Amino acid sequence: MTTVSKLGQHLRGAILTLLVGYVLMGCSLYPDVNIDPAKNNKATFRQDALDCAQSYPDSGSGVHVKQRIACMNLKGWH
């Protein structure tokens, strides 16, 4: 195996590790607790999440994720 192919394998591994890390960080940043105790339940969360998803459909660039998080923040989810 050549040095170039070993470097390519290490580079692919590093990129894969970074992508997995970014996905995990992105999932942990999604708001899941409402400041209003009466609204802090699964049914309200699910409805608010669906409303935000419909307002900001999937985009190829991933901007919709930030928009949905901002939408959830406006609805009281943090």
N, C-alpha and C. Protein backbone atom coordinates (compact mmCIF):
# COMPACT_ATOMS: atom_id res chain seq x y z
N MET A 1 0.85 -1.16 0.00
CA MET A 1 0.00 0.00 0.00
C MET A 1 0.90 1.24 0.00
N THR A 2 0.56 2.19 -0.82
CA THR A 2 1.39 3.39 -0.94
C THR A 2 1.05 4.41 0.14
N THR A 3 1.94 5.35 0.30
CA THR A 3 1.75 6.41 1.29
C THR A 3 0.53 7.26 0.95
N VAL A 4 0.30 7.48 -0.34
CA VAL A 4 -0.83 8.29 -0.78
C VAL A 4 -2.15 7.61 -0.41
N SER A 5 -2.24 6.30 -0.60
CA SER A 5 -3.49 5.61 -0.27
C SER A 5 -3.71 5.57 1.24
N LYS A 6 -2.64 5.45 2.03
CA LYS A 6 -2.78 5.50 3.49
C LYS A 6 -3.26 6.88 3.94
N LEU A 7 -2.73 7.91 3.33
CA LEU A 7 -3.14 9.27 3.64
C LEU A 7 -4.62 9.46 3.30
N GLY A 8 -5.03 8.91 2.17
CA GLY A 8 -6.44 9.01 1.76
C GLY A 8 -7.36 8.30 2.74
N GLN A 9 -6.94 7.15 3.25
CA GLN A 9 -7.75 6.43 4.23
C GLN A 9 -7.87 7.23 5.52
N HIS A 10 -6.77 7.81 5.98
CA HIS A 10 -6.80 8.62 7.20
C HIS A 10 -7.67 9.86 7.01
N LEU A 11 -7.59 10.46 5.85
CA LEU A 11 -8.39 11.65 5.57
C LEU A 11 -9.88 11.32 5.56
N ARG A 12 -10.23 10.21 4.93
CA ARG A 12 -11.64 9.78 4.92
C ARG A 12 -12.14 9.48 6.32
N GLY A 13 -11.31 8.84 7.12
CA GLY A 13 -11.69 8.55 8.50
C GLY A 13 -11.90 9.82 9.31
N ALA A 14 -11.02 10.80 9.12
CA ALA A 14 -11.14 12.06 9.84
C ALA A 14 -12.41 12.81 9.42
N ILE A 15 -12.70 12.82 8.14
CA ILE A 15 -13.90 13.50 7.64
C ILE A 15 -15.16 12.82 8.18
N LEU A 16 -15.18 11.50 8.18
CA LEU A 16 -16.32 10.76 8.69
C LEU A 16 -16.53 11.04 10.18
N THR A 17 -15.44 11.09 10.93
CA THR A 17 -15.53 11.39 12.36
C THR A 17 -16.09 12.79 12.60
N LEU A 18 -15.63 13.76 11.82
CA LEU A 18 -16.14 15.12 11.95
C LEU A 18 -17.62 15.20 11.62
N LEU A 19 -18.04 14.53 10.57
CA LEU A 19 -19.45 14.56 10.18
C LEU A 19 -20.33 13.95 11.26
N VAL A 20 -19.92 12.83 11.82
CA VAL A 20 -20.69 12.20 12.89
C VAL A 20 -20.77 13.14 14.10
N GLY A 21 -19.66 13.79 14.41
CA GLY A 21 -19.64 14.73 15.53
C GLY A 21 -20.59 15.90 15.31
N TYR A 22 -20.60 16.44 14.09
CA TYR A 22 -21.49 17.56 13.78
C TYR A 22 -22.96 17.15 13.87
N VAL A 23 -23.27 15.95 13.42
CA VAL A 23 -24.65 15.46 13.50
C VAL A 23 -25.08 15.33 14.95
N LEU A 24 -24.21 14.77 15.78
CA LEU A 24 -24.55 14.61 17.19
C LEU A 24 -24.70 15.95 17.89
N MET A 25 -23.85 16.91 17.57
CA MET A 25 -23.98 18.24 18.15
C MET A 25 -25.26 18.91 17.69
N GLY A 26 -25.59 18.76 16.42
CA GLY A 26 -26.80 19.36 15.88
C GLY A 26 -28.05 18.80 16.54
N CYS A 27 -28.07 17.52 16.79
CA CYS A 27 -29.22 16.90 17.45
C CYS A 27 -29.35 17.36 18.89
N SER A 28 -28.25 17.59 19.55
CA SER A 28 -28.31 17.99 20.95
C SER A 28 -28.73 19.44 21.10
N LEU A 29 -28.66 20.23 20.05
CA LEU A 29 -29.01 21.64 20.13
C LEU A 29 -30.49 21.90 19.89
N TYR A 30 -31.23 20.89 19.45
CA TYR A 30 -32.65 21.08 19.17
C TYR A 30 -33.41 21.26 20.49
N PRO A 31 -34.20 22.32 20.60
CA PRO A 31 -34.90 22.60 21.86
C PRO A 31 -35.92 21.52 22.21
N ASP A 32 -35.99 21.17 23.50
CA ASP A 32 -36.91 20.11 23.90
C ASP A 32 -37.64 20.39 25.21
N VAL A 33 -37.43 21.57 25.80
CA VAL A 33 -38.11 21.93 27.05
C VAL A 33 -38.79 23.28 26.85
N ASN A 34 -40.07 23.32 27.19
CA ASN A 34 -40.83 24.57 27.05
C ASN A 34 -40.80 25.33 28.37
N ILE A 35 -40.72 26.67 28.27
CA ILE A 35 -40.67 27.49 29.47
C ILE A 35 -42.01 27.51 30.19
N ASP A 36 -43.09 27.21 29.47
CA ASP A 36 -44.42 27.15 30.08
C ASP A 36 -44.69 25.70 30.50
N PRO A 37 -44.79 25.43 31.81
CA PRO A 37 -45.00 24.05 32.27
C PRO A 37 -46.25 23.39 31.68
N ALA A 38 -47.28 24.17 31.39
CA ALA A 38 -48.50 23.60 30.82
C ALA A 38 -48.29 23.08 29.40
N LYS A 39 -47.31 23.64 28.69
CA LYS A 39 -47.03 23.23 27.31
C LYS A 39 -45.87 22.24 27.22
N ASN A 40 -45.25 21.93 28.34
CA ASN A 40 -44.08 21.07 28.35
C ASN A 40 -44.50 19.59 28.35
N ASN A 41 -45.03 19.14 27.21
CA ASN A 41 -45.44 17.74 27.07
C ASN A 41 -45.19 17.29 25.63
N LYS A 42 -45.24 15.98 25.42
CA LYS A 42 -44.91 15.42 24.10
C LYS A 42 -45.88 15.85 23.01
N ALA A 43 -47.16 15.93 23.33
CA ALA A 43 -48.16 16.28 22.32
C ALA A 43 -47.95 17.70 21.81
N THR A 44 -47.71 18.64 22.71
CA THR A 44 -47.49 20.03 22.31
C THR A 44 -46.17 20.15 21.55
N PHE A 45 -45.15 19.45 22.02
CA PHE A 45 -43.86 19.47 21.33
C PHE A 45 -44.01 18.96 19.90
N ARG A 46 -44.69 17.83 19.76
CA ARG A 46 -44.88 17.22 18.43
C ARG A 46 -45.62 18.17 17.49
N GLN A 47 -46.68 18.82 18.00
CA GLN A 47 -47.46 19.75 17.18
C GLN A 47 -46.63 20.96 16.78
N ASP A 48 -45.88 21.52 17.73
CA ASP A 48 -45.05 22.69 17.43
C ASP A 48 -43.94 22.32 16.45
N ALA A 49 -43.35 21.15 16.62
CA ALA A 49 -42.29 20.70 15.71
C ALA A 49 -42.84 20.50 14.29
N LEU A 50 -44.05 19.95 14.18
CA LEU A 50 -44.67 19.78 12.85
C LEU A 50 -44.97 21.13 12.22
N ASP A 51 -45.48 22.07 13.02
CA ASP A 51 -45.76 23.42 12.50
C ASP A 51 -44.49 24.07 11.95
N CYS A 52 -43.40 23.97 12.71
CA CYS A 52 -42.13 24.56 12.26
C CYS A 52 -41.59 23.84 11.04
N ALA A 53 -41.75 22.52 10.98
CA ALA A 53 -41.27 21.76 9.83
C ALA A 53 -42.05 22.13 8.57
N GLN A 54 -43.34 22.37 8.71
CA GLN A 54 -44.14 22.77 7.56
C GLN A 54 -43.81 24.20 7.13
N SER A 55 -43.49 25.05 8.09
CA SER A 55 -43.14 26.44 7.76
C SER A 55 -41.78 26.54 7.08
N TYR A 56 -40.87 25.64 7.44
CA TYR A 56 -39.51 25.65 6.90
C TYR A 56 -39.17 24.27 6.35
N PRO A 57 -39.55 24.00 5.09
CA PRO A 57 -39.29 22.68 4.49
C PRO A 57 -37.80 22.43 4.30
N ASP A 58 -37.46 21.16 4.09
CA ASP A 58 -36.06 20.77 3.90
C ASP A 58 -35.43 21.53 2.76
N SER A 59 -34.18 21.94 2.99
CA SER A 59 -33.39 22.58 1.93
C SER A 59 -32.08 21.81 1.83
N GLY A 60 -31.49 21.84 0.70
CA GLY A 60 -30.26 21.11 0.48
C GLY A 60 -29.09 21.61 1.30
N SER A 61 -29.13 22.87 1.70
CA SER A 61 -27.98 23.46 2.40
C SER A 61 -28.04 23.26 3.91
N GLY A 62 -29.16 22.86 4.45
CA GLY A 62 -29.29 22.66 5.89
C GLY A 62 -29.73 23.89 6.65
N VAL A 63 -30.04 24.96 5.95
CA VAL A 63 -30.48 26.20 6.60
C VAL A 63 -31.80 25.97 7.33
N HIS A 64 -32.61 25.05 6.85
CA HIS A 64 -33.91 24.79 7.46
C HIS A 64 -33.79 24.36 8.93
N VAL A 65 -32.69 23.74 9.29
CA VAL A 65 -32.52 23.29 10.68
C VAL A 65 -32.43 24.49 11.62
N LYS A 66 -31.62 25.49 11.26
CA LYS A 66 -31.52 26.70 12.07
C LYS A 66 -32.85 27.43 12.13
N GLN A 67 -33.56 27.46 11.00
CA GLN A 67 -34.86 28.13 10.96
C GLN A 67 -35.87 27.43 11.86
N ARG A 68 -35.85 26.10 11.86
CA ARG A 68 -36.78 25.35 12.70
C ARG A 68 -36.45 25.54 14.18
N ILE A 69 -35.17 25.58 14.52
CA ILE A 69 -34.78 25.82 15.91
C ILE A 69 -35.24 27.20 16.35
N ALA A 70 -35.06 28.20 15.50
CA ALA A 70 -35.52 29.56 15.82
C ALA A 70 -37.04 29.59 15.98
N CYS A 71 -37.74 28.87 15.14
CA CYS A 71 -39.20 28.78 15.23
C CYS A 71 -39.62 28.15 16.56
N MET A 72 -38.96 27.08 16.95
CA MET A 72 -39.27 26.43 18.22
C MET A 72 -38.96 27.36 19.40
N ASN A 73 -37.88 28.12 19.29
CA ASN A 73 -37.54 29.09 20.35
C ASN A 73 -38.64 30.13 20.49
N LEU A 74 -39.19 30.57 19.37
CA LEU A 74 -40.29 31.55 19.42
C LEU A 74 -41.53 30.97 20.08
N LYS A 75 -41.71 29.67 19.98
CA LYS A 75 -42.85 29.01 20.59
C LYS A 75 -42.61 28.67 22.05
N GLY A 76 -41.43 29.05 22.56
CA GLY A 76 -41.13 28.85 23.99
C GLY A 76 -40.27 27.65 24.30
N TRP A 77 -39.82 26.94 23.28
CA TRP A 77 -38.99 25.75 23.50
C TRP A 77 -37.52 26.15 23.57
N HIS A 78 -36.83 25.65 24.57
CA HIS A 78 -35.40 25.94 24.73
C HIS A 78 -34.65 24.71 25.13
